[in-house]
Structures are given as structure tokens and as C-alpha cells.
Amino acid sequence: MSKALNTVGSETYRRIKRDIIFGDLAPASKLKLDALRDRYPASMSTLRETLSRLSSEGFVVAEEQRGFFVTAVSREDLIEIANLRVLLECHALRLSIQNGDTDWEGNLVAAHHKLHLMEQRMLSGDPSQIEDWKRYDWEFHQAMIEACGSSNLLSLHSILYDKYLRYQMLVLTHRGQEAVDEHRAMFEAALARDADKASDVLRIHIEKGLEHTMEAFPDGSALSKAS
């Protein structure tokens, strides 16, 4: 029984977090337990535990006497998340290049191959697999840093990446060939064990992604509406 409950709890967490990241649960919207129970097959206690967990990660806000809300978005928060991602991911990448073995290289090659194939679809104008594209993007960035040797660093990076992704999903556009070229440059530098170049390209990649997302909200209006 406990294993089944754990499975339900994990699936509920996965689905609600996914719906927050991809905007199906809008920023700043109230998360009413009755409505959530109709949407997700879970008990009230499981839903409360899930929302509390998401609150600890920063995707949900728990307000005393008012209940749970999806965390609002803002330009300032986006900038802070991007800057933190640069600090954590570039550091993790350097450690990973230093420590990575043959298995790490093989996983990185496979991850880049899958991402590159999906990027070619995006470049051809096919936006039908946005979730798969972002999943492969995540798998590539994860593969780059997975040999860093720190579970705490990987855990923090995972949360930051998902927060950054939520903002990107408000834009729902691909940066095009420039982003593809950045991924390839990172990939080749990592395999060549050139930590300086790989880290520099990663920093540029994140910063240009930030600029791209910010340009979609030139006056902050879209973010204001979303929040």
C-alpha cells in the first residue's frame, strides 16, 4: 500500500510541476484543492503534501489563511535565476569535464545527438514537439554536468533549470541556429576537455537565452499579465 501511495504522490508531483512550468497552471493563480482533486487523481493529503513540496522548491507559495498559489513571475526574478544558473552550471561543468570518464563522454554524445535531431525539426518550422525539445535540452545540459561529483549541486541546478524553463515557456519560441551552434560548441569543447571554452560558451548561451526571453516582454507587460 505504501509503495502505491508513493507512486501516486510522485506522479501527482510530476504532473502539477509540469503544468506550472508549461503554464497550464498560470502564474499567481490560486490552487484550490477541490479543483486540483478533480484534475489530478490524488487524495487531499497527497495534494497538500505535493503543494508543500513545490512550495519548498519555489514553484508554489503558501499563504497563511489564504491557501496555495502558483509563484508569480517577474523580470527581476528571471534575471536572478539566470545569474544563479550561470554560477552553478558553469562551476558544475568545469568539475564534470575534470572528472568525466568514457561513460560520461558516451552519455554526452547520445544526449547531444537527440537534441540536435529535435533542433533540426524546430528549425524546419515544426513546433509540435516543444515538450520533447525541452526534455532533450534538459538531458543535454544534465549530461554535460552529471560527472561533477556533487549530488547537492545537481539537485540545486535541476530546480533552477526548471524555474528558468518556466519563463522560456511564456515565450514559446526557439532562438534558432544561434542556439544550435552554441550547443555544438559546448559539446565539442567538453569532449576536448577545454573547460574554459565550454564554460564561456555556456555562460553566453544562458545570457543570450535571458536576453531572448526579456525581449519578448519589452515593457514587462506580458510578465505583469502572467503574474
C-alpha atoms as a PDB file:
ATOM      1  CA  MET A   1       0.000   0.000   0.000  1.00  0.00           C
ATOM      2  CA  SER A   2       2.736   2.474   0.949  1.00  0.00           C
ATOM      3  CA  LYS A   3       4.517   1.832  -2.357  1.00  0.00           C
ATOM      4  CA  ALA A   4       1.290   2.589  -4.255  1.00  0.00           C
ATOM      5  CA  LEU A   5       0.817   5.789  -2.265  1.00  0.00           C
ATOM      6  CA  ASN A   6       4.388   6.825  -3.010  1.00  0.00           C
ATOM      7  CA  THR A   7       3.774   6.184  -6.720  1.00  0.00           C
ATOM      8  CA  VAL A   8       0.614   8.323  -6.664  1.00  0.00           C
ATOM      9  CA  GLY A   9       2.450  11.063  -4.803  1.00  0.00           C
ATOM     10  CA  SER A  10       5.374  11.069  -7.240  1.00  0.00           C
ATOM     11  CA  GLU A  11       3.078  11.164 -10.262  1.00  0.00           C
ATOM     12  CA  THR A  12       0.974  13.956  -8.746  1.00  0.00           C
ATOM     13  CA  TYR A  13       4.113  15.970  -8.031  1.00  0.00           C
ATOM     14  CA  ARG A  14       5.401  15.397 -11.570  1.00  0.00           C
ATOM     15  CA  ARG A  15       2.129  16.426 -13.210  1.00  0.00           C
ATOM     16  CA  ILE A  16       1.489  19.541 -11.137  1.00  0.00           C
ATOM     17  CA  LYS A  17       5.081  20.718 -11.522  1.00  0.00           C
ATOM     18  CA  ARG A  18       4.886  20.101 -15.263  1.00  0.00           C
ATOM     19  CA  ASP A  19       1.659  22.105 -15.512  1.00  0.00           C
ATOM     20  CA  ILE A  20       3.218  25.011 -13.600  1.00  0.00           C
ATOM     21  CA  ILE A  21       6.344  25.022 -15.775  1.00  0.00           C
ATOM     22  CA  PHE A  22       4.399  24.843 -19.042  1.00  0.00           C
ATOM     23  CA  GLY A  23       1.837  27.446 -17.972  1.00  0.00           C
ATOM     24  CA  ASP A  24      -1.255  25.241 -17.717  1.00  0.00           C
ATOM     25  CA  LEU A  25      -1.429  26.451 -14.130  1.00  0.00           C
ATOM     26  CA  ALA A  26      -0.928  30.177 -14.604  1.00  0.00           C
ATOM     27  CA  PRO A  27       1.478  32.292 -12.544  1.00  0.00           C
ATOM     28  CA  ALA A  28      -0.139  33.694  -9.370  1.00  0.00           C
ATOM     29  CA  SER A  29      -3.284  31.587  -9.832  1.00  0.00           C
ATOM     30  CA  LYS A  30      -4.877  30.077  -6.735  1.00  0.00           C
ATOM     31  CA  LEU A  31      -4.525  26.334  -6.338  1.00  0.00           C
ATOM     32  CA  LYS A  32      -7.863  25.237  -4.917  1.00  0.00           C
ATOM     33  CA  LEU A  33      -7.714  21.728  -3.511  1.00  0.00           C
ATOM     34  CA  ASP A  34     -11.184  20.737  -4.729  1.00  0.00           C
ATOM     35  CA  ALA A  35     -10.348  21.778  -8.284  1.00  0.00           C
ATOM     36  CA  LEU A  36      -6.981  20.038  -8.101  1.00  0.00           C
ATOM     37  CA  ARG A  37      -8.615  16.819  -6.917  1.00  0.00           C
ATOM     38  CA  ASP A  38     -10.847  16.889  -9.993  1.00  0.00           C
ATOM     39  CA  ARG A  39      -7.823  17.421 -12.222  1.00  0.00           C
ATOM     40  CA  TYR A  40      -5.333  15.060 -10.582  1.00  0.00           C
ATOM     41  CA  PRO A  41      -6.330  11.628  -9.202  1.00  0.00           C
ATOM     42  CA  ALA A  42      -4.985  12.076  -5.685  1.00  0.00           C
ATOM     43  CA  SER A  43      -6.250  12.465  -2.127  1.00  0.00           C
ATOM     44  CA  MET A  44      -6.423  15.803  -0.329  1.00  0.00           C
ATOM     45  CA  SER A  45      -3.492  14.824   1.887  1.00  0.00           C
ATOM     46  CA  THR A  46      -1.374  13.900  -1.150  1.00  0.00           C
ATOM     47  CA  LEU A  47      -2.236  17.193  -2.821  1.00  0.00           C
ATOM     48  CA  ARG A  48      -1.314  19.168   0.304  1.00  0.00           C
ATOM     49  CA  GLU A  49       1.990  17.314   0.604  1.00  0.00           C
ATOM     50  CA  THR A  50       2.702  17.922  -3.080  1.00  0.00           C
ATOM     51  CA  LEU A  51       1.971  21.640  -2.833  1.00  0.00           C
ATOM     52  CA  SER A  52       4.118  21.904   0.286  1.00  0.00           C
ATOM     53  CA  ARG A  53       6.972  20.217  -1.563  1.00  0.00           C
ATOM     54  CA  LEU A  54       6.579  22.550  -4.535  1.00  0.00           C
ATOM     55  CA  SER A  55       6.477  25.466  -2.105  1.00  0.00           C
ATOM     56  CA  SER A  56       9.838  24.410  -0.643  1.00  0.00           C
ATOM     57  CA  GLU A  57      11.254  24.426  -4.197  1.00  0.00           C
ATOM     58  CA  GLY A  58       9.814  27.857  -5.027  1.00  0.00           C
ATOM     59  CA  PHE A  59       7.139  26.900  -7.578  1.00  0.00           C
ATOM     60  CA  VAL A  60       4.224  27.409  -5.191  1.00  0.00           C
ATOM     61  CA  VAL A  61       3.584  29.999  -2.481  1.00  0.00           C
ATOM     62  CA  ALA A  62       1.741  29.013   0.702  1.00  0.00           C
ATOM     63  CA  GLU A  63      -0.032  31.995   2.246  1.00  0.00           C
ATOM     64  CA  GLU A  64      -1.416  31.709   5.755  1.00  0.00           C
ATOM     65  CA  GLN A  65      -5.220  31.817   5.833  1.00  0.00           C
ATOM     66  CA  ARG A  66      -5.342  32.124   2.031  1.00  0.00           C
ATOM     67  CA  GLY A  67      -4.037  28.801   0.757  1.00  0.00           C
ATOM     68  CA  PHE A  68      -1.688  27.890  -2.083  1.00  0.00           C
ATOM     69  CA  PHE A  69      -0.823  29.937  -5.182  1.00  0.00           C
ATOM     70  CA  VAL A  70       1.409  29.365  -8.206  1.00  0.00           C
ATOM     71  CA  THR A  71       4.501  31.505  -7.729  1.00  0.00           C
ATOM     72  CA  ALA A  72       4.243  34.782  -9.638  1.00  0.00           C
ATOM     73  CA  VAL A  73       6.793  35.789 -12.273  1.00  0.00           C
ATOM     74  CA  SER A  74       8.783  38.982 -12.734  1.00  0.00           C
ATOM     75  CA  ARG A  75      11.665  40.335 -14.777  1.00  0.00           C
ATOM     76  CA  GLU A  76      13.779  40.680 -11.627  1.00  0.00           C
ATOM     77  CA  ASP A  77      13.206  37.050 -10.682  1.00  0.00           C
ATOM     78  CA  LEU A  78      14.092  35.869 -14.187  1.00  0.00           C
ATOM     79  CA  ILE A  79      17.380  37.808 -14.130  1.00  0.00           C
ATOM     80  CA  GLU A  80      18.272  36.401 -10.714  1.00  0.00           C
ATOM     81  CA  ILE A  81      17.514  32.830 -11.817  1.00  0.00           C
ATOM     82  CA  ALA A  82      19.641  33.216 -14.959  1.00  0.00           C
ATOM     83  CA  ASN A  83      22.566  34.646 -12.984  1.00  0.00           C
ATOM     84  CA  LEU A  84      22.389  31.824 -10.437  1.00  0.00           C
ATOM     85  CA  ARG A  85      22.226  29.280 -13.221  1.00  0.00           C
ATOM     86  CA  VAL A  86      25.420  30.709 -14.736  1.00  0.00           C
ATOM     87  CA  LEU A  87      27.206  30.421 -11.392  1.00  0.00           C
ATOM     88  CA  LEU A  88      26.077  26.877 -10.616  1.00  0.00           C
ATOM     89  CA  GLU A  89      26.083  25.321 -14.077  1.00  0.00           C
ATOM     90  CA  CYS A  90      29.419  26.743 -15.201  1.00  0.00           C
ATOM     91  CA  HIS A  91      31.030  25.535 -11.975  1.00  0.00           C
ATOM     92  CA  ALA A  92      29.432  22.093 -12.350  1.00  0.00           C
ATOM     93  CA  LEU A  93      30.563  21.918 -15.980  1.00  0.00           C
ATOM     94  CA  ARG A  94      34.177  22.578 -15.060  1.00  0.00           C
ATOM     95  CA  LEU A  95      34.077  19.836 -12.421  1.00  0.00           C
ATOM     96  CA  SER A  96      32.371  17.456 -14.832  1.00  0.00           C
ATOM     97  CA  ILE A  97      34.976  17.978 -17.572  1.00  0.00           C
ATOM     98  CA  GLN A  98      37.689  17.387 -14.988  1.00  0.00           C
ATOM     99  CA  ASN A  99      36.105  14.210 -13.608  1.00  0.00           C
ATOM    100  CA  GLY A 100      34.253  12.779 -16.616  1.00  0.00           C
ATOM    101  CA  ASP A 101      35.167   9.309 -17.835  1.00  0.00           C
ATOM    102  CA  THR A 102      34.378   7.349 -21.002  1.00  0.00           C
ATOM    103  CA  ASP A 103      30.813   6.649 -19.872  1.00  0.00           C
ATOM    104  CA  TRP A 104      30.290  10.373 -19.345  1.00  0.00           C
ATOM    105  CA  GLU A 105      31.536  11.064 -22.860  1.00  0.00           C
ATOM    106  CA  GLY A 106      29.225   8.400 -24.296  1.00  0.00           C
ATOM    107  CA  ASN A 107      26.186   9.787 -22.480  1.00  0.00           C
ATOM    108  CA  LEU A 108      27.049  13.293 -23.647  1.00  0.00           C
ATOM    109  CA  VAL A 109      27.362  12.169 -27.278  1.00  0.00           C
ATOM    110  CA  ALA A 110      23.956  10.452 -27.108  1.00  0.00           C
ATOM    111  CA  ALA A 111      22.300  13.440 -25.429  1.00  0.00           C
ATOM    112  CA  HIS A 112      23.647  15.905 -27.974  1.00  0.00           C
ATOM    113  CA  HIS A 113      22.598  13.678 -30.873  1.00  0.00           C
ATOM    114  CA  LYS A 114      18.980  13.533 -29.655  1.00  0.00           C
ATOM    115  CA  LEU A 115      18.891  17.272 -29.004  1.00  0.00           C
ATOM    116  CA  HIS A 116      20.388  18.083 -32.396  1.00  0.00           C
ATOM    117  CA  LEU A 117      17.785  15.999 -34.235  1.00  0.00           C
ATOM    118  CA  MET A 118      14.990  17.783 -32.380  1.00  0.00           C
ATOM    119  CA  GLU A 119      16.569  21.178 -33.043  1.00  0.00           C
ATOM    120  CA  GLN A 120      16.538  20.419 -36.764  1.00  0.00           C
ATOM    121  CA  ARG A 121      12.767  19.898 -36.527  1.00  0.00           C
ATOM    122  CA  MET A 122      12.387  23.209 -34.723  1.00  0.00           C
ATOM    123  CA  LEU A 123      14.490  24.950 -37.381  1.00  0.00           C
ATOM    124  CA  SER A 124      12.269  23.474 -40.095  1.00  0.00           C
ATOM    125  CA  GLY A 125       9.304  25.253 -38.506  1.00  0.00           C
ATOM    126  CA  ASP A 126       7.752  22.256 -36.750  1.00  0.00           C
ATOM    127  CA  PRO A 127       6.761  23.371 -33.208  1.00  0.00           C
ATOM    128  CA  SER A 128       4.622  20.303 -32.480  1.00  0.00           C
ATOM    129  CA  GLN A 129       7.105  18.704 -30.098  1.00  0.00           C
ATOM    130  CA  ILE A 130       8.050  21.570 -27.819  1.00  0.00           C
ATOM    131  CA  GLU A 131       7.969  19.411 -24.701  1.00  0.00           C
ATOM    132  CA  ASP A 132      10.240  16.797 -26.285  1.00  0.00           C
ATOM    133  CA  TRP A 133      12.595  19.553 -27.432  1.00  0.00           C
ATOM    134  CA  LYS A 134      12.856  20.969 -23.924  1.00  0.00           C
ATOM    135  CA  ARG A 135      13.247  17.479 -22.447  1.00  0.00           C
ATOM    136  CA  TYR A 136      16.172  16.770 -24.769  1.00  0.00           C
ATOM    137  CA  ASP A 137      17.607  20.207 -23.973  1.00  0.00           C
ATOM    138  CA  TRP A 138      17.444  19.349 -20.270  1.00  0.00           C
ATOM    139  CA  GLU A 139      19.016  15.918 -20.858  1.00  0.00           C
ATOM    140  CA  PHE A 140      21.898  17.534 -22.761  1.00  0.00           C
ATOM    141  CA  HIS A 141      22.623  20.131 -20.081  1.00  0.00           C
ATOM    142  CA  GLN A 142      22.319  17.437 -17.419  1.00  0.00           C
ATOM    143  CA  ALA A 143      24.703  15.163 -19.316  1.00  0.00           C
ATOM    144  CA  MET A 144      27.228  17.987 -19.502  1.00  0.00           C
ATOM    145  CA  ILE A 145      27.433  18.349 -15.720  1.00  0.00           C
ATOM    146  CA  GLU A 146      26.481  14.900 -14.408  1.00  0.00           C
ATOM    147  CA  ALA A 147      30.109  13.977 -13.637  1.00  0.00           C
ATOM    148  CA  CYS A 148      30.591  16.979 -11.338  1.00  0.00           C
ATOM    149  CA  GLY A 149      30.603  14.663  -8.317  1.00  0.00           C
ATOM    150  CA  SER A 150      28.132  16.668  -6.206  1.00  0.00           C
ATOM    151  CA  SER A 151      24.544  15.487  -5.694  1.00  0.00           C
ATOM    152  CA  ASN A 152      23.709  18.767  -3.934  1.00  0.00           C
ATOM    153  CA  LEU A 153      24.938  20.785  -6.915  1.00  0.00           C
ATOM    154  CA  LEU A 154      22.943  18.634  -9.344  1.00  0.00           C
ATOM    155  CA  SER A 155      19.801  18.969  -7.214  1.00  0.00           C
ATOM    156  CA  LEU A 156      20.076  22.759  -6.980  1.00  0.00           C
ATOM    157  CA  HIS A 157      20.767  23.021 -10.695  1.00  0.00           C
ATOM    158  CA  SER A 158      17.696  20.920 -11.513  1.00  0.00           C
ATOM    159  CA  ILE A 159      15.410  23.284  -9.595  1.00  0.00           C
ATOM    160  CA  LEU A 160      16.991  26.383 -11.141  1.00  0.00           C
ATOM    161  CA  TYR A 161      16.766  24.931 -14.627  1.00  0.00           C
ATOM    162  CA  ASP A 162      13.039  24.263 -14.208  1.00  0.00           C
ATOM    163  CA  LYS A 163      12.455  27.792 -12.913  1.00  0.00           C
ATOM    164  CA  TYR A 164      14.335  29.188 -15.912  1.00  0.00           C
ATOM    165  CA  LEU A 165      12.345  26.898 -18.219  1.00  0.00           C
ATOM    166  CA  ARG A 166       9.040  28.229 -16.880  1.00  0.00           C
ATOM    167  CA  TYR A 167       9.948  31.691 -18.143  1.00  0.00           C
ATOM    168  CA  GLN A 168      11.012  30.301 -21.511  1.00  0.00           C
ATOM    169  CA  MET A 169       7.645  28.607 -21.875  1.00  0.00           C
ATOM    170  CA  LEU A 170       5.965  32.014 -21.614  1.00  0.00           C
ATOM    171  CA  VAL A 171       7.788  32.871 -24.850  1.00  0.00           C
ATOM    172  CA  LEU A 172       7.437  29.519 -26.647  1.00  0.00           C
ATOM    173  CA  THR A 173       9.978  30.371 -29.321  1.00  0.00           C
ATOM    174  CA  HIS A 174      13.271  28.859 -30.405  1.00  0.00           C
ATOM    175  CA  ARG A 175      16.349  31.087 -30.773  1.00  0.00           C
ATOM    176  CA  GLY A 176      17.222  29.318 -33.976  1.00  0.00           C
ATOM    177  CA  GLN A 177      20.603  28.433 -35.458  1.00  0.00           C
ATOM    178  CA  GLU A 178      22.466  30.517 -32.899  1.00  0.00           C
ATOM    179  CA  ALA A 179      21.327  28.271 -30.034  1.00  0.00           C
ATOM    180  CA  VAL A 180      22.095  25.152 -32.081  1.00  0.00           C
ATOM    181  CA  ASP A 181      25.624  26.397 -32.731  1.00  0.00           C
ATOM    182  CA  GLU A 182      26.123  27.174 -29.031  1.00  0.00           C
ATOM    183  CA  HIS A 183      25.106  23.649 -28.062  1.00  0.00           C
ATOM    184  CA  ARG A 184      27.523  22.168 -30.568  1.00  0.00           C
ATOM    185  CA  ALA A 185      30.364  24.438 -29.425  1.00  0.00           C
ATOM    186  CA  MET A 186      29.763  23.453 -25.789  1.00  0.00           C
ATOM    187  CA  PHE A 187      29.613  19.794 -26.729  1.00  0.00           C
ATOM    188  CA  GLU A 188      32.847  19.867 -28.743  1.00  0.00           C
ATOM    189  CA  ALA A 189      34.716  21.858 -26.093  1.00  0.00           C
ATOM    190  CA  ALA A 190      33.601  19.445 -23.367  1.00  0.00           C
ATOM    191  CA  LEU A 191      34.782  16.405 -25.343  1.00  0.00           C
ATOM    192  CA  ALA A 192      38.075  18.199 -25.985  1.00  0.00           C
ATOM    193  CA  ARG A 193      38.332  18.788 -22.208  1.00  0.00           C
ATOM    194  CA  ASP A 194      38.568  22.527 -22.785  1.00  0.00           C
ATOM    195  CA  ALA A 195      36.845  23.690 -19.601  1.00  0.00           C
ATOM    196  CA  ASP A 196      37.495  27.392 -20.219  1.00  0.00           C
ATOM    197  CA  LYS A 197      35.873  27.404 -23.649  1.00  0.00           C
ATOM    198  CA  ALA A 198      32.976  25.167 -22.646  1.00  0.00           C
ATOM    199  CA  SER A 199      32.227  27.349 -19.619  1.00  0.00           C
ATOM    200  CA  ASP A 200      32.445  30.565 -21.659  1.00  0.00           C
ATOM    201  CA  VAL A 201      30.050  29.228 -24.309  1.00  0.00           C
ATOM    202  CA  LEU A 202      27.637  28.016 -21.627  1.00  0.00           C
ATOM    203  CA  ARG A 203      27.623  31.438 -19.973  1.00  0.00           C
ATOM    204  CA  ILE A 204      26.936  33.127 -23.310  1.00  0.00           C
ATOM    205  CA  HIS A 205      24.236  30.554 -24.064  1.00  0.00           C
ATOM    206  CA  ILE A 206      22.375  31.275 -20.826  1.00  0.00           C
ATOM    207  CA  GLU A 207      22.795  35.039 -21.102  1.00  0.00           C
ATOM    208  CA  LYS A 208      21.533  35.116 -24.693  1.00  0.00           C
ATOM    209  CA  GLY A 209      18.597  32.950 -23.667  1.00  0.00           C
ATOM    210  CA  LEU A 210      17.842  35.513 -20.973  1.00  0.00           C
ATOM    211  CA  GLU A 211      18.037  38.360 -23.478  1.00  0.00           C
ATOM    212  CA  HIS A 212      15.743  36.485 -25.856  1.00  0.00           C
ATOM    213  CA  THR A 213      13.137  35.933 -23.154  1.00  0.00           C
ATOM    214  CA  MET A 214      13.372  39.529 -21.915  1.00  0.00           C
ATOM    215  CA  GLU A 215      12.897  40.869 -25.437  1.00  0.00           C
ATOM    216  CA  ALA A 216       9.507  39.195 -25.548  1.00  0.00           C
ATOM    217  CA  PHE A 217       8.488  41.438 -22.644  1.00  0.00           C
ATOM    218  CA  PRO A 218       9.984  44.821 -23.617  1.00  0.00           C
ATOM    219  CA  ASP A 219       7.839  46.773 -21.172  1.00  0.00           C
ATOM    220  CA  GLY A 220       7.222  43.983 -18.704  1.00  0.00           C
ATOM    221  CA  SER A 221       3.536  43.858 -19.707  1.00  0.00           C
ATOM    222  CA  ALA A 222       3.434  40.180 -20.562  1.00  0.00           C
ATOM    223  CA  LEU A 223       5.068  39.229 -17.312  1.00  0.00           C
ATOM    224  CA  SER A 224       2.729  41.519 -15.437  1.00  0.00           C
ATOM    225  CA  LYS A 225      -0.298  39.904 -17.045  1.00  0.00           C
ATOM    226  CA  ALA A 226       1.079  36.469 -16.291  1.00  0.00           C
ATOM    227  CA  SER A 227       1.622  37.361 -12.654  1.00  0.00           C
END
